[in-house]
Amino acid sequence: MVTFPHVLEERIQKHNELYNTDFKIIETIYDDVPFCVIEMSGNDLSQIFDLGYGLAILENVKKEQGKLDW
């Protein structure tokens, strides 16, 4: 589940640049809340945690700047 798929896409692009990963969104399902299916090559599960942590920080910054409303 992700609240803002466009913010996830932004974070994925930055994460891929910084950490030389290849995350990508392959499907977004819009229900009561959006669900994004992502994929990456390799098996470094710590990168998934790092991506989620970075997403949480980015969403919080954007919320404080008034760029997100939830």
N, C-alpha and C. Protein backbone atom coordinates (compact mmCIF):
# COMPACT_ATOMS: atom_id res chain seq x y z
N MET A 1 0.84 -1.16 0.00
CA MET A 1 0.00 0.00 0.00
C MET A 1 0.89 1.24 0.00
N VAL A 2 0.50 2.20 -0.79
CA VAL A 2 1.20 3.47 -0.82
C VAL A 2 0.16 4.57 -0.96
N THR A 3 0.34 5.66 -0.25
CA THR A 3 -0.65 6.72 -0.27
C THR A 3 -0.57 7.54 -1.56
N PHE A 4 0.64 7.78 -2.04
CA PHE A 4 0.84 8.62 -3.22
C PHE A 4 1.78 7.93 -4.20
N PRO A 5 1.26 7.23 -5.21
CA PRO A 5 2.12 6.53 -6.16
C PRO A 5 3.13 7.44 -6.86
N HIS A 6 2.75 8.69 -7.13
CA HIS A 6 3.69 9.60 -7.80
C HIS A 6 4.89 9.92 -6.92
N VAL A 7 4.70 9.94 -5.61
CA VAL A 7 5.82 10.18 -4.69
C VAL A 7 6.70 8.94 -4.63
N LEU A 8 6.09 7.77 -4.67
CA LEU A 8 6.88 6.53 -4.72
C LEU A 8 7.74 6.52 -5.98
N GLU A 9 7.17 6.90 -7.11
CA GLU A 9 7.94 6.93 -8.35
C GLU A 9 9.12 7.90 -8.24
N GLU A 10 8.88 9.05 -7.63
CA GLU A 10 9.95 10.03 -7.42
C GLU A 10 11.05 9.44 -6.54
N ARG A 11 10.66 8.77 -5.46
CA ARG A 11 11.65 8.19 -4.55
C ARG A 11 12.41 7.05 -5.21
N ILE A 12 11.72 6.23 -6.01
CA ILE A 12 12.38 5.14 -6.72
C ILE A 12 13.46 5.69 -7.64
N GLN A 13 13.15 6.74 -8.38
CA GLN A 13 14.15 7.31 -9.29
C GLN A 13 15.38 7.79 -8.52
N LYS A 14 15.15 8.48 -7.41
CA LYS A 14 16.27 8.98 -6.61
C LYS A 14 17.05 7.82 -5.98
N HIS A 15 16.34 6.85 -5.45
CA HIS A 15 16.98 5.69 -4.82
C HIS A 15 17.85 4.94 -5.84
N ASN A 16 17.31 4.73 -7.03
CA ASN A 16 18.06 4.04 -8.07
C ASN A 16 19.35 4.79 -8.42
N GLU A 17 19.27 6.11 -8.49
CA GLU A 17 20.46 6.92 -8.79
C GLU A 17 21.49 6.83 -7.67
N LEU A 18 21.03 6.94 -6.44
CA LEU A 18 21.95 6.97 -5.30
C LEU A 18 22.60 5.62 -5.02
N TYR A 19 21.84 4.54 -5.15
CA TYR A 19 22.30 3.23 -4.71
C TYR A 19 22.50 2.23 -5.83
N ASN A 20 22.42 2.72 -7.06
CA ASN A 20 22.64 1.86 -8.24
C ASN A 20 21.74 0.62 -8.20
N THR A 21 20.47 0.84 -7.92
CA THR A 21 19.48 -0.24 -7.93
C THR A 21 18.58 -0.07 -9.15
N ASP A 22 17.68 -1.00 -9.34
CA ASP A 22 16.80 -0.92 -10.51
C ASP A 22 15.33 -1.17 -10.15
N PHE A 23 14.88 -0.58 -9.05
CA PHE A 23 13.47 -0.68 -8.70
C PHE A 23 12.63 -0.06 -9.80
N LYS A 24 11.45 -0.64 -10.03
CA LYS A 24 10.48 -0.01 -10.92
C LYS A 24 9.08 -0.47 -10.53
N ILE A 25 8.13 0.42 -10.74
CA ILE A 25 6.73 0.09 -10.50
C ILE A 25 6.23 -0.64 -11.73
N ILE A 26 5.70 -1.84 -11.53
CA ILE A 26 5.19 -2.58 -12.69
C ILE A 26 3.67 -2.59 -12.74
N GLU A 27 3.02 -2.23 -11.63
CA GLU A 27 1.56 -2.18 -11.64
C GLU A 27 1.08 -1.31 -10.47
N THR A 28 0.06 -0.53 -10.71
CA THR A 28 -0.60 0.22 -9.65
C THR A 28 -2.07 -0.16 -9.66
N ILE A 29 -2.56 -0.59 -8.52
CA ILE A 29 -3.95 -1.00 -8.37
C ILE A 29 -4.64 0.05 -7.50
N TYR A 30 -5.66 0.67 -8.05
CA TYR A 30 -6.39 1.69 -7.31
C TYR A 30 -7.62 1.07 -6.69
N ASP A 31 -7.63 1.01 -5.37
CA ASP A 31 -8.74 0.51 -4.59
C ASP A 31 -9.10 1.63 -3.63
N ASP A 32 -9.48 1.34 -2.41
CA ASP A 32 -9.68 2.41 -1.43
C ASP A 32 -8.39 3.20 -1.25
N VAL A 33 -7.27 2.50 -1.28
CA VAL A 33 -5.94 3.11 -1.29
C VAL A 33 -5.16 2.46 -2.42
N PRO A 34 -4.20 3.16 -3.00
CA PRO A 34 -3.42 2.56 -4.09
C PRO A 34 -2.44 1.51 -3.58
N PHE A 35 -2.27 0.48 -4.36
CA PHE A 35 -1.26 -0.55 -4.11
C PHE A 35 -0.34 -0.57 -5.32
N CYS A 36 0.96 -0.50 -5.08
CA CYS A 36 1.94 -0.53 -6.17
C CYS A 36 2.74 -1.82 -6.07
N VAL A 37 2.87 -2.50 -7.19
CA VAL A 37 3.72 -3.68 -7.28
C VAL A 37 5.04 -3.21 -7.86
N ILE A 38 6.13 -3.48 -7.14
CA ILE A 38 7.44 -3.08 -7.62
C ILE A 38 8.30 -4.31 -7.84
N GLU A 39 9.32 -4.15 -8.67
CA GLU A 39 10.27 -5.24 -8.86
C GLU A 39 11.67 -4.67 -8.91
N MET A 40 12.62 -5.55 -8.67
CA MET A 40 14.04 -5.20 -8.76
C MET A 40 14.80 -6.49 -9.01
N SER A 41 15.96 -6.36 -9.60
CA SER A 41 16.81 -7.54 -9.75
C SER A 41 17.66 -7.66 -8.49
N GLY A 42 18.24 -8.79 -8.30
CA GLY A 42 19.07 -9.00 -7.11
C GLY A 42 18.22 -9.45 -5.94
N ASN A 43 18.88 -9.66 -4.83
CA ASN A 43 18.16 -10.17 -3.66
C ASN A 43 18.58 -9.47 -2.38
N ASP A 44 18.98 -8.22 -2.48
CA ASP A 44 19.38 -7.46 -1.30
C ASP A 44 18.13 -6.86 -0.64
N LEU A 45 17.56 -7.59 0.30
CA LEU A 45 16.32 -7.16 0.92
C LEU A 45 16.48 -5.87 1.71
N SER A 46 17.68 -5.53 2.12
CA SER A 46 17.87 -4.27 2.84
C SER A 46 17.53 -3.08 1.96
N GLN A 47 17.66 -3.23 0.65
CA GLN A 47 17.31 -2.14 -0.26
C GLN A 47 15.81 -1.85 -0.23
N ILE A 48 14.99 -2.86 -0.01
CA ILE A 48 13.55 -2.66 0.09
C ILE A 48 13.24 -1.82 1.33
N PHE A 49 13.88 -2.16 2.45
CA PHE A 49 13.70 -1.37 3.66
C PHE A 49 14.16 0.06 3.43
N ASP A 50 15.33 0.23 2.83
CA ASP A 50 15.87 1.57 2.59
C ASP A 50 14.95 2.39 1.69
N LEU A 51 14.37 1.76 0.68
CA LEU A 51 13.43 2.46 -0.20
C LEU A 51 12.21 2.93 0.60
N GLY A 52 11.66 2.06 1.42
CA GLY A 52 10.49 2.42 2.23
C GLY A 52 10.80 3.53 3.22
N TYR A 53 11.97 3.47 3.82
CA TYR A 53 12.38 4.50 4.77
C TYR A 53 12.51 5.85 4.05
N GLY A 54 13.16 5.83 2.90
CA GLY A 54 13.31 7.05 2.11
C GLY A 54 11.97 7.61 1.66
N LEU A 55 11.04 6.73 1.32
CA LEU A 55 9.70 7.17 0.92
C LEU A 55 9.00 7.85 2.09
N ALA A 56 9.09 7.28 3.27
CA ALA A 56 8.44 7.88 4.44
C ALA A 56 9.00 9.27 4.72
N ILE A 57 10.30 9.42 4.61
CA ILE A 57 10.93 10.72 4.83
C ILE A 57 10.45 11.72 3.78
N LEU A 58 10.46 11.32 2.50
CA LEU A 58 10.04 12.21 1.42
C LEU A 58 8.59 12.64 1.60
N GLU A 59 7.70 11.70 1.95
CA GLU A 59 6.30 12.06 2.17
C GLU A 59 6.16 13.05 3.32
N ASN A 60 6.91 12.85 4.39
CA ASN A 60 6.84 13.76 5.53
C ASN A 60 7.33 15.16 5.15
N VAL A 61 8.42 15.24 4.41
CA VAL A 61 8.95 16.54 3.97
C VAL A 61 7.92 17.24 3.10
N LYS A 62 7.35 16.52 2.15
CA LYS A 62 6.35 17.11 1.25
C LYS A 62 5.11 17.55 2.03
N LYS A 63 4.73 16.79 3.05
CA LYS A 63 3.59 17.17 3.88
C LYS A 63 3.89 18.47 4.62
N GLU A 64 5.09 18.57 5.20
CA GLU A 64 5.47 19.78 5.93
C GLU A 64 5.54 20.99 5.01
N GLN A 65 5.89 20.77 3.74
CA GLN A 65 5.97 21.87 2.77
C GLN A 65 4.60 22.22 2.19
N GLY A 66 3.57 21.47 2.56
CA GLY A 66 2.24 21.71 2.04
C GLY A 66 2.01 21.16 0.64
N LYS A 67 2.90 20.27 0.19
CA LYS A 67 2.79 19.69 -1.15
C LYS A 67 1.96 18.42 -1.16
N LEU A 68 1.68 17.86 0.01
CA LEU A 68 0.82 16.68 0.13
C LEU A 68 -0.24 16.97 1.18
N ASP A 69 -1.41 16.46 0.94
CA ASP A 69 -2.51 16.64 1.89
C ASP A 69 -3.09 15.28 2.22
N TRP A 70 -2.86 14.84 3.45
CA TRP A 70 -3.51 13.60 3.87
C TRP A 70 -4.03 13.74 5.21
